[in-house]
């Protein structure tokens, strides 16, 4: 839809914006797993030896 001033009316997010959001969320999840993975594994090993 075009407004009176000629600028396009934006409604919602485009597929590229959704792809960027998915990429950023995936990057945060992968980063968290890489940072916390060894600590979590050690925690489970310690808990299982009790």
PDB file of N, CA and C in Angstrom:
ATOM      1  N   UNK A   1       0.839  -1.178   0.000  1.00  0.00           N
ATOM      2  CA  UNK A   1       0.000   0.000   0.000  1.00  0.00           C
ATOM      3  C   UNK A   1       0.888   1.246   0.000  1.00  0.00           C
ATOM      4  N   UNK A   2       0.530   2.248  -0.768  1.00  0.00           N
ATOM      5  CA  UNK A   2       1.314   3.471  -0.861  1.00  0.00           C
ATOM      6  C   UNK A   2       0.555   4.595  -0.182  1.00  0.00           C
ATOM      7  N   UNK A   3       1.286   5.305   0.672  1.00  0.00           N
ATOM      8  CA  UNK A   3       0.667   6.439   1.360  1.00  0.00           C
ATOM      9  C   UNK A   3       0.647   7.663   0.455  1.00  0.00           C
ATOM     10  N   UNK A   4      -0.003   8.708   0.918  1.00  0.00           N
ATOM     11  CA  UNK A   4      -0.127   9.930   0.122  1.00  0.00           C
ATOM     12  C   UNK A   4       1.224  10.565  -0.184  1.00  0.00           C
ATOM     13  N   UNK A   5       2.218  10.392   0.712  1.00  0.00           N
ATOM     14  CA  UNK A   5       3.518  11.010   0.478  1.00  0.00           C
ATOM     15  C   UNK A   5       4.415  10.152  -0.419  1.00  0.00           C
ATOM     16  N   UNK A   6       3.912   9.017  -0.895  1.00  0.00           N
ATOM     17  CA  UNK A   6       4.661   8.179  -1.810  1.00  0.00           C
ATOM     18  C   UNK A   6       5.518   7.121  -1.145  1.00  0.00           C
ATOM     19  N   UNK A   7       5.648   7.157   0.165  1.00  0.00           N
ATOM     20  CA  UNK A   7       6.466   6.162   0.875  1.00  0.00           C
ATOM     21  C   UNK A   7       5.671   4.871   1.015  1.00  0.00           C
ATOM     22  N   UNK A   8       6.335   3.740   0.829  1.00  0.00           N
ATOM     23  CA  UNK A   8       5.620   2.465   0.988  1.00  0.00           C
ATOM     24  C   UNK A   8       5.245   2.221   2.447  1.00  0.00           C
ATOM     25  N   UNK A   9       4.112   1.625   2.647  1.00  0.00           N
ATOM     26  CA  UNK A   9       3.637   1.312   3.996  1.00  0.00           C
ATOM     27  C   UNK A   9       4.186  -0.055   4.401  1.00  0.00           C
ATOM     28  N   UNK A  10       4.991  -0.073   5.438  1.00  0.00           N
ATOM     29  CA  UNK A  10       5.586  -1.327   5.879  1.00  0.00           C
ATOM     30  C   UNK A  10       4.656  -2.018   6.872  1.00  0.00           C
ATOM     31  N   UNK A  11       4.393  -3.295   6.607  1.00  0.00           N
ATOM     32  CA  UNK A  11       3.550  -4.083   7.507  1.00  0.00           C
ATOM     33  C   UNK A  11       4.287  -5.368   7.837  1.00  0.00           C
ATOM     34  N   UNK A  12       4.690  -5.506   9.076  1.00  0.00           N
ATOM     35  CA  UNK A  12       5.331  -6.739   9.502  1.00  0.00           C
ATOM     36  C   UNK A  12       6.778  -6.840   9.071  1.00  0.00           C
ATOM     37  N   UNK A  13       7.372  -7.970   9.435  1.00  0.00           N
ATOM     38  CA  UNK A  13       8.780  -8.204   9.120  1.00  0.00           C
ATOM     39  C   UNK A  13       8.906  -9.016   7.838  1.00  0.00           C
ATOM     40  N   UNK A  14      10.000  -8.800   7.156  1.00  0.00           N
ATOM     41  CA  UNK A  14      10.238  -9.553   5.936  1.00  0.00           C
ATOM     42  C   UNK A  14      10.935 -10.865   6.267  1.00  0.00           C
ATOM     43  N   UNK A  15      11.064 -11.720   5.272  1.00  0.00           N
ATOM     44  CA  UNK A  15      11.705 -13.018   5.470  1.00  0.00           C
ATOM     45  C   UNK A  15      13.167 -12.843   5.860  1.00  0.00           C
ATOM     46  N   UNK A  16      13.817 -11.818   5.352  1.00  0.00           N
ATOM     47  CA  UNK A  16      15.227 -11.579   5.690  1.00  0.00           C
ATOM     48  C   UNK A  16      15.365 -11.219   7.161  1.00  0.00           C
ATOM     49  N   UNK A  17      14.447 -10.427   7.674  1.00  0.00           N
ATOM     50  CA  UNK A  17      14.496 -10.074   9.095  1.00  0.00           C
ATOM     51  C   UNK A  17      14.284 -11.292   9.975  1.00  0.00           C
ATOM     52  N   UNK A  18      13.357 -12.164   9.582  1.00  0.00           N
ATOM     53  CA  UNK A  18      13.147 -13.395  10.335  1.00  0.00           C
ATOM     54  C   UNK A  18      14.373 -14.299  10.266  1.00  0.00           C
ATOM     55  N   UNK A  19      15.009 -14.367   9.114  1.00  0.00           N
ATOM     56  CA  UNK A  19      16.220 -15.184   8.970  1.00  0.00           C
ATOM     57  C   UNK A  19      17.340 -14.644   9.858  1.00  0.00           C
ATOM     58  N   UNK A  20      17.480 -13.338   9.933  1.00  0.00           N
ATOM     59  CA  UNK A  20      18.491 -12.751  10.809  1.00  0.00           C
ATOM     60  C   UNK A  20      18.209 -13.068  12.273  1.00  0.00           C
ATOM     61  N   UNK A  21      16.953 -12.996  12.665  1.00  0.00           N
ATOM     62  CA  UNK A  21      16.593 -13.347  14.042  1.00  0.00           C
ATOM     63  C   UNK A  21      16.926 -14.800  14.353  1.00  0.00           C
ATOM     64  N   UNK A  22      16.593 -15.695  13.446  1.00  0.00           N
ATOM     65  CA  UNK A  22      16.886 -17.117  13.640  1.00  0.00           C
ATOM     66  C   UNK A  22      18.389 -17.334  13.729  1.00  0.00           C
ATOM     67  N   UNK A  23      19.152 -16.667  12.860  1.00  0.00           N
ATOM     68  CA  UNK A  23      20.597 -16.796  12.880  1.00  0.00           C
ATOM     69  C   UNK A  23      21.176 -16.307  14.203  1.00  0.00           C
ATOM     70  N   UNK A  24      20.721 -15.166  14.689  1.00  0.00           N
ATOM     71  CA  UNK A  24      21.233 -14.629  15.948  1.00  0.00           C
ATOM     72  C   UNK A  24      20.890 -15.533  17.124  1.00  0.00           C
ATOM     73  N   UNK A  25      19.677 -16.061  17.161  1.00  0.00           N
ATOM     74  CA  UNK A  25      19.282 -16.963  18.243  1.00  0.00           C
ATOM     75  C   UNK A  25      20.122 -18.228  18.190  1.00  0.00           C
ATOM     76  N   UNK A  26      20.335 -18.772  16.991  1.00  0.00           N
ATOM     77  CA  UNK A  26      21.154 -19.974  16.846  1.00  0.00           C
ATOM     78  C   UNK A  26      22.592 -19.706  17.280  1.00  0.00           C
ATOM     79  N   UNK A  27      23.131 -18.545  16.949  1.00  0.00           N
ATOM     80  CA  UNK A  27      24.496 -18.202  17.346  1.00  0.00           C
ATOM     81  C   UNK A  27      24.618 -18.115  18.870  1.00  0.00           C
ATOM     82  N   UNK A  28      23.621 -17.555  19.522  1.00  0.00           N
ATOM     83  CA  UNK A  28      23.639 -17.470  20.986  1.00  0.00           C
ATOM     84  C   UNK A  28      23.559 -18.863  21.605  1.00  0.00           C
ATOM     85  N   UNK A  29      22.715 -19.725  21.068  1.00  0.00           N
ATOM     86  CA  UNK A  29      22.580 -21.082  21.598  1.00  0.00           C
ATOM     87  C   UNK A  29      23.885 -21.854  21.410  1.00  0.00           C
ATOM     88  N   UNK A  30      24.464 -21.793  20.234  1.00  0.00           N
ATOM     89  CA  UNK A  30      25.724 -22.506  19.974  1.00  0.00           C
ATOM     90  C   UNK A  30      26.831 -21.960  20.870  1.00  0.00           C
ATOM     91  N   UNK A  31      26.908 -20.654  20.999  1.00  0.00           N
ATOM     92  CA  UNK A  31      27.915 -20.056  21.878  1.00  0.00           C
ATOM     93  C   UNK A  31      27.747 -20.491  23.325  1.00  0.00           C
ATOM     94  N   UNK A  32      26.517 -20.538  23.793  1.00  0.00           N
ATOM     95  CA  UNK A  32      26.264 -20.984  25.157  1.00  0.00           C
ATOM     96  C   UNK A  32      26.641 -22.431  25.376  1.00  0.00           C
ATOM     97  N   UNK A  33      26.335 -23.266  24.410  1.00  0.00           N
ATOM     98  CA  UNK A  33      26.683 -24.688  24.518  1.00  0.00           C
ATOM     99  C   UNK A  33      28.195 -24.859  24.521  1.00  0.00           C
ATOM    100  N   UNK A  34      28.884 -24.124  23.665  1.00  0.00           N
ATOM    101  CA  UNK A  34      30.342 -24.237  23.610  1.00  0.00           C
ATOM    102  C   UNK A  34      30.995 -23.729  24.900  1.00  0.00           C
ATOM    103  N   UNK A  35      30.442 -22.668  25.482  1.00  0.00           N
ATOM    104  CA  UNK A  35      31.017 -22.130  26.707  1.00  0.00           C
ATOM    105  C   UNK A  35      30.677 -22.971  27.933  1.00  0.00           C
ATOM    106  N   UNK A  36      29.446 -23.448  28.018  1.00  0.00           N
ATOM    107  CA  UNK A  36      28.992 -24.149  29.212  1.00  0.00           C
ATOM    108  C   UNK A  36      29.092 -25.657  29.108  1.00  0.00           C
ATOM    109  N   UNK A  37      29.313 -26.189  27.927  1.00  0.00           N
ATOM    110  CA  UNK A  37      29.341 -27.635  27.726  1.00  0.00           C
ATOM    111  C   UNK A  37      30.288 -28.380  28.641  1.00  0.00           C
ATOM    112  N   UNK A  38      31.562 -28.001  28.685  1.00  0.00           N
ATOM    113  CA  UNK A  38      32.494 -28.723  29.556  1.00  0.00           C
ATOM    114  C   UNK A  38      32.120 -28.633  31.035  1.00  0.00           C
ATOM    115  N   UNK A  39      31.618 -27.496  31.470  1.00  0.00           N
ATOM    116  CA  UNK A  39      31.225 -27.342  32.872  1.00  0.00           C
ATOM    117  C   UNK A  39      30.039 -28.230  33.213  1.00  0.00           C
ATOM    118  N   UNK A  40      29.089 -28.332  32.308  1.00  0.00           N
ATOM    119  CA  UNK A  40      27.914 -29.170  32.550  1.00  0.00           C
ATOM    120  C   UNK A  40      28.320 -30.643  32.576  1.00  0.00           C
ATOM    121  N   UNK A  41      29.197 -31.044  31.666  1.00  0.00           N
ATOM    122  CA  UNK A  41      29.670 -32.430  31.651  1.00  0.00           C
ATOM    123  C   UNK A  41      30.383 -32.763  32.959  1.00  0.00           C
ATOM    124  N   UNK A  42      31.213 -31.853  33.441  1.00  0.00           N
ATOM    125  CA  UNK A  42      31.916 -32.072  34.708  1.00  0.00           C
ATOM    126  C   UNK A  42      30.930 -32.141  35.869  1.00  0.00           C
ATOM    127  N   UNK A  43      29.901 -31.324  35.831  1.00  0.00           N
ATOM    128  CA  UNK A  43      28.886 -31.340  36.884  1.00  0.00           C
ATOM    129  C   UNK A  43      28.170 -32.685  36.932  1.00  0.00           C
ATOM    130  N   UNK A  44      27.825 -33.228  35.769  1.00  0.00           N
ATOM    131  CA  UNK A  44      27.167 -34.539  35.730  1.00  0.00           C
ATOM    132  C   UNK A  44      28.099 -35.643  36.203  1.00  0.00           C
ATOM    133  N   UNK A  45      29.376 -35.561  35.844  1.00  0.00           N
ATOM    134  CA  UNK A  45      30.331 -36.570  36.304  1.00  0.00           C
ATOM    135  C   UNK A  45      30.479 -36.521  37.818  1.00  0.00           C
ATOM    136  N   UNK A  46      30.549 -35.312  38.377  1.00  0.00           N
ATOM    137  CA  UNK A  46      30.659 -35.167  39.826  1.00  0.00           C
ATOM    138  C   UNK A  46      29.408 -35.683  40.519  1.00  0.00           C
ATOM    139  N   UNK A  47      28.254 -35.379  39.983  1.00  0.00           N
ATOM    140  CA  UNK A  47      26.995 -35.818  40.588  1.00  0.00           C
ATOM    141  C   UNK A  47      26.839 -37.323  40.514  1.00  0.00           C
ATOM    142  N   UNK A  48      27.318 -37.930  39.439  1.00  0.00           N
ATOM    143  CA  UNK A  48      27.149 -39.376  39.293  1.00  0.00           C
ATOM    144  C   UNK A  48      28.105 -40.171  40.183  1.00  0.00           C
ATOM    145  N   UNK A  49      29.164 -39.531  40.659  1.00  0.00           N
ATOM    146  CA  UNK A  49      30.120 -40.245  41.511  1.00  0.00           C
ATOM    147  C   UNK A  49      29.740 -40.202  42.970  1.00  0.00           C
ATOM    148  N   UNK A  50      28.667 -39.556  43.343  1.00  0.00           N
ATOM    149  CA  UNK A  50      28.235 -39.489  44.747  1.00  0.00           C
ATOM    150  C   UNK A  50      27.574 -40.735  45.155  1.00  0.00           C
TER     151      UNK A  50
END
